[in-house]
C-alpha atoms as a PDB file:
ATOM      1  CA  UNK A   1       0.007  -0.022   0.052  1.00  0.00           C
ATOM      2  CA  UNK A   2       1.251   3.498  -0.744  1.00  0.00           C
ATOM      3  CA  UNK A   3      -0.248   6.495   1.585  1.00  0.00           C
ATOM      4  CA  UNK A   4      -0.042   9.537  -0.617  1.00  0.00           C
ATOM      5  CA  UNK A   5       0.741  12.711   1.304  1.00  0.00           C
ATOM      6  CA  UNK A   6      -1.477  15.988   0.309  1.00  0.00           C
ATOM      7  CA  UNK A   7       1.849  17.458  -0.870  1.00  0.00           C
ATOM      8  CA  UNK A   8       1.792  14.972  -3.867  1.00  0.00           C
ATOM      9  CA  UNK A   9      -1.878  14.775  -4.324  1.00  0.00           C
ATOM     10  CA  UNK A  10      -1.704  18.784  -4.830  1.00  0.00           C
ATOM     11  CA  UNK A  11       0.836  18.084  -7.697  1.00  0.00           C
ATOM     12  CA  UNK A  12      -1.356  15.376  -9.033  1.00  0.00           C
ATOM     13  CA  UNK A  13      -4.561  17.369  -9.336  1.00  0.00           C
ATOM     14  CA  UNK A  14      -2.793  20.558 -10.441  1.00  0.00           C
ATOM     15  CA  UNK A  15      -2.633  21.102 -14.278  1.00  0.00           C
ATOM     16  CA  UNK A  16       1.014  21.988 -14.258  1.00  0.00           C
ATOM     17  CA  UNK A  17       1.969  19.696 -11.168  1.00  0.00           C
ATOM     18  CA  UNK A  18       5.198  18.175 -10.898  1.00  0.00           C
ATOM     19  CA  UNK A  19       5.570  15.440 -14.009  1.00  0.00           C
ATOM     20  CA  UNK A  20       7.461  12.925 -11.848  1.00  0.00           C
ATOM     21  CA  UNK A  21       4.946  13.055  -8.872  1.00  0.00           C
ATOM     22  CA  UNK A  22       2.042  13.163 -11.207  1.00  0.00           C
ATOM     23  CA  UNK A  23       3.296   9.836 -12.706  1.00  0.00           C
ATOM     24  CA  UNK A  24       4.079   7.896  -9.637  1.00  0.00           C
ATOM     25  CA  UNK A  25       0.637   9.075  -8.079  1.00  0.00           C
ATOM     26  CA  UNK A  26      -1.183   7.786 -10.986  1.00  0.00           C
ATOM     27  CA  UNK A  27       0.912   4.463 -11.098  1.00  0.00           C
ATOM     28  CA  UNK A  28      -0.409   3.883  -7.430  1.00  0.00           C
ATOM     29  CA  UNK A  29      -4.040   4.617  -8.309  1.00  0.00           C
ATOM     30  CA  UNK A  30      -3.750   2.188 -11.379  1.00  0.00           C
ATOM     31  CA  UNK A  31      -2.125  -0.236  -9.157  1.00  0.00           C
ATOM     32  CA  UNK A  32      -4.990  -0.139  -6.643  1.00  0.00           C
ATOM     33  CA  UNK A  33      -2.135   0.716  -4.400  1.00  0.00           C
ATOM     34  CA  UNK A  34      -3.154   4.490  -3.331  1.00  0.00           C
ATOM     35  CA  UNK A  35      -4.164   5.205   0.303  1.00  0.00           C
ATOM     36  CA  UNK A  36      -4.970   8.025   2.190  1.00  0.00           C
ATOM     37  CA  UNK A  37      -6.265   8.635   5.807  1.00  0.00           C
ATOM     38  CA  UNK A  38      -8.632  11.363   7.654  1.00  0.00           C
ATOM     39  CA  UNK A  39      -6.065  14.242   7.737  1.00  0.00           C
ATOM     40  CA  UNK A  40      -4.978  14.043   4.320  1.00  0.00           C
ATOM     41  CA  UNK A  41      -8.302  13.667   3.341  1.00  0.00           C
ATOM     42  CA  UNK A  42      -9.347  17.087   5.172  1.00  0.00           C
ATOM     43  CA  UNK A  43      -6.236  18.377   3.520  1.00  0.00           C
ATOM     44  CA  UNK A  44      -7.170  17.937   0.245  1.00  0.00           C
ATOM     45  CA  UNK A  45     -11.013  17.794   0.041  1.00  0.00           C
ATOM     46  CA  UNK A  46     -11.679  20.080   2.784  1.00  0.00           C
ATOM     47  CA  UNK A  47     -10.039  22.925   1.048  1.00  0.00           C
ATOM     48  CA  UNK A  48     -11.668  22.216  -2.458  1.00  0.00           C
ATOM     49  CA  UNK A  49     -12.287  25.772  -4.242  1.00  0.00           C
ATOM     50  CA  UNK A  50     -15.917  24.880  -4.491  1.00  0.00           C
ATOM     51  CA  UNK A  51     -18.901  22.169  -3.949  1.00  0.00           C
ATOM     52  CA  UNK A  52     -18.304  20.908  -7.577  1.00  0.00           C
ATOM     53  CA  UNK A  53     -14.498  20.469  -7.000  1.00  0.00           C
ATOM     54  CA  UNK A  54     -15.293  18.842  -3.545  1.00  0.00           C
ATOM     55  CA  UNK A  55     -17.723  16.487  -5.099  1.00  0.00           C
ATOM     56  CA  UNK A  56     -15.320  15.092  -7.729  1.00  0.00           C
ATOM     57  CA  UNK A  57     -12.599  14.811  -4.830  1.00  0.00           C
ATOM     58  CA  UNK A  58     -14.823  13.013  -2.432  1.00  0.00           C
ATOM     59  CA  UNK A  59     -15.761  10.768  -5.504  1.00  0.00           C
ATOM     60  CA  UNK A  60     -12.089   9.969  -6.059  1.00  0.00           C
ATOM     61  CA  UNK A  61     -10.802   9.552  -2.637  1.00  0.00           C
ATOM     62  CA  UNK A  62     -13.755   6.901  -2.004  1.00  0.00           C
ATOM     63  CA  UNK A  63     -11.776   4.602  -4.632  1.00  0.00           C
ATOM     64  CA  UNK A  64      -8.689   4.908  -2.529  1.00  0.00           C
ATOM     65  CA  UNK A  65      -7.825   2.668   0.374  1.00  0.00           C
ATOM     66  CA  UNK A  66      -8.320   4.173   3.918  1.00  0.00           C
ATOM     67  CA  UNK A  67      -6.062   3.947   6.682  1.00  0.00           C
ATOM     68  CA  UNK A  68      -7.843   4.589   9.961  1.00  0.00           C
ATOM     69  CA  UNK A  69      -6.430   6.631  12.550  1.00  0.00           C
ATOM     70  CA  UNK A  70      -6.474   4.926  15.792  1.00  0.00           C
ATOM     71  CA  UNK A  71      -5.208   5.575  19.391  1.00  0.00           C
ATOM     72  CA  UNK A  72      -2.064   3.866  18.735  1.00  0.00           C
ATOM     73  CA  UNK A  73      -1.335   6.163  15.692  1.00  0.00           C
ATOM     74  CA  UNK A  74      -1.411   9.107  17.851  1.00  0.00           C
ATOM     75  CA  UNK A  75       0.862   7.444  20.743  1.00  0.00           C
ATOM     76  CA  UNK A  76       3.174   6.526  17.956  1.00  0.00           C
ATOM     77  CA  UNK A  77       3.367  10.243  16.682  1.00  0.00           C
ATOM     78  CA  UNK A  78       3.717  11.578  19.934  1.00  0.00           C
ATOM     79  CA  UNK A  79       7.033   9.392  20.302  1.00  0.00           C
ATOM     80  CA  UNK A  80       8.165  10.439  16.889  1.00  0.00           C
ATOM     81  CA  UNK A  81       7.691  14.032  17.932  1.00  0.00           C
ATOM     82  CA  UNK A  82       9.701  13.596  21.232  1.00  0.00           C
ATOM     83  CA  UNK A  83      12.545  11.220  19.222  1.00  0.00           C
ATOM     84  CA  UNK A  84      12.734  14.212  16.611  1.00  0.00           C
ATOM     85  CA  UNK A  85      13.109  17.043  19.375  1.00  0.00           C
ATOM     86  CA  UNK A  86      15.955  14.891  20.686  1.00  0.00           C
ATOM     87  CA  UNK A  87      17.802  15.799  17.719  1.00  0.00           C
ATOM     88  CA  UNK A  88      16.832  19.299  17.373  1.00  0.00           C
ATOM     89  CA  UNK A  89      13.984  18.962  15.004  1.00  0.00           C
ATOM     90  CA  UNK A  90      10.302  20.040  15.439  1.00  0.00           C
ATOM     91  CA  UNK A  91       7.849  18.952  12.626  1.00  0.00           C
ATOM     92  CA  UNK A  92       3.850  19.595  12.189  1.00  0.00           C
ATOM     93  CA  UNK A  93       1.757  17.532  14.407  1.00  0.00           C
ATOM     94  CA  UNK A  94      -0.333  16.587  11.364  1.00  0.00           C
ATOM     95  CA  UNK A  95       2.901  15.258   9.735  1.00  0.00           C
ATOM     96  CA  UNK A  96       4.064  12.904  12.760  1.00  0.00           C
ATOM     97  CA  UNK A  97       0.382  11.496  12.488  1.00  0.00           C
ATOM     98  CA  UNK A  98       0.607  10.845   9.151  1.00  0.00           C
ATOM     99  CA  UNK A  99       3.994   9.346   9.263  1.00  0.00           C
ATOM    100  CA  UNK A 100       2.797   7.319  12.262  1.00  0.00           C
ATOM    101  CA  UNK A 101      -0.309   5.739  10.187  1.00  0.00           C
ATOM    102  CA  UNK A 102       1.970   4.906   7.672  1.00  0.00           C
ATOM    103  CA  UNK A 103       4.563   3.075   9.731  1.00  0.00           C
ATOM    104  CA  UNK A 104       1.249   1.248  11.433  1.00  0.00           C
ATOM    105  CA  UNK A 105      -0.047   0.182   8.391  1.00  0.00           C
ATOM    106  CA  UNK A 106       3.178  -0.876   6.843  1.00  0.00           C
ATOM    107  CA  UNK A 107       2.658   1.493   4.115  1.00  0.00           C
ATOM    108  CA  UNK A 108       5.303   3.642   2.013  1.00  0.00           C
ATOM    109  CA  UNK A 109       4.467   7.025   1.884  1.00  0.00           C
ATOM    110  CA  UNK A 110       4.908   8.913  -1.345  1.00  0.00           C
ATOM    111  CA  UNK A 111       5.345  12.870  -0.570  1.00  0.00           C
ATOM    112  CA  UNK A 112       6.997  16.150  -1.338  1.00  0.00           C
ATOM    113  CA  UNK A 113       7.738  17.293   2.222  1.00  0.00           C
ATOM    114  CA  UNK A 114      11.220  17.622   3.935  1.00  0.00           C
ATOM    115  CA  UNK A 115       9.528  16.847   7.368  1.00  0.00           C
ATOM    116  CA  UNK A 116       8.846  13.248   5.986  1.00  0.00           C
ATOM    117  CA  UNK A 117      12.773  12.686   5.297  1.00  0.00           C
ATOM    118  CA  UNK A 118      13.681  14.200   8.624  1.00  0.00           C
ATOM    119  CA  UNK A 119      11.200  11.751  10.124  1.00  0.00           C
ATOM    120  CA  UNK A 120      12.187   8.913   8.293  1.00  0.00           C
ATOM    121  CA  UNK A 121      15.938   9.398   9.501  1.00  0.00           C
ATOM    122  CA  UNK A 122      14.878   8.709  12.856  1.00  0.00           C
ATOM    123  CA  UNK A 123      11.950   6.129  12.595  1.00  0.00           C
ATOM    124  CA  UNK A 124      10.791   3.262  10.659  1.00  0.00           C
ATOM    125  CA  UNK A 125       9.093   5.236   7.837  1.00  0.00           C
ATOM    126  CA  UNK A 126       9.373   4.088   4.508  1.00  0.00           C
ATOM    127  CA  UNK A 127       9.033   7.091   2.466  1.00  0.00           C
ATOM    128  CA  UNK A 128       9.643   8.300  -1.017  1.00  0.00           C
ATOM    129  CA  UNK A 129      10.096  12.091  -1.734  1.00  0.00           C
ATOM    130  CA  UNK A 130       8.665  12.110  -5.408  1.00  0.00           C
ATOM    131  CA  UNK A 131      11.177  15.223  -5.845  1.00  0.00           C
ATOM    132  CA  UNK A 132      14.152  12.653  -5.793  1.00  0.00           C
ATOM    133  CA  UNK A 133      12.919  10.316  -8.536  1.00  0.00           C
END
């Protein structure tokens, strides 16, 4: 399974988005590996320009795997935050939760966000920065 971060979805949906990222996301969708979670869902669908776009996004997202956010996800996110702080790094809570959900579901995280590169250095997160392909 491939958890696709909002940074990658933004590139995928933008007509002039990064072509490498768009291709990687399209391949994940075509192979039925694309996954999302509640936070990513809100970050994309919740900020749609209008109701029509929201409906299109909701329809698209209904076809993807959904990684549930459970109490262990949040506990792990707290542990990740403390571990990173001990190395002098602070990352947004949403990124900690997204990374934790990828780890707990054994998913690879596709992203374009340096915070996930930092998290991967100090955790079991399997991530692919689509800008590095």
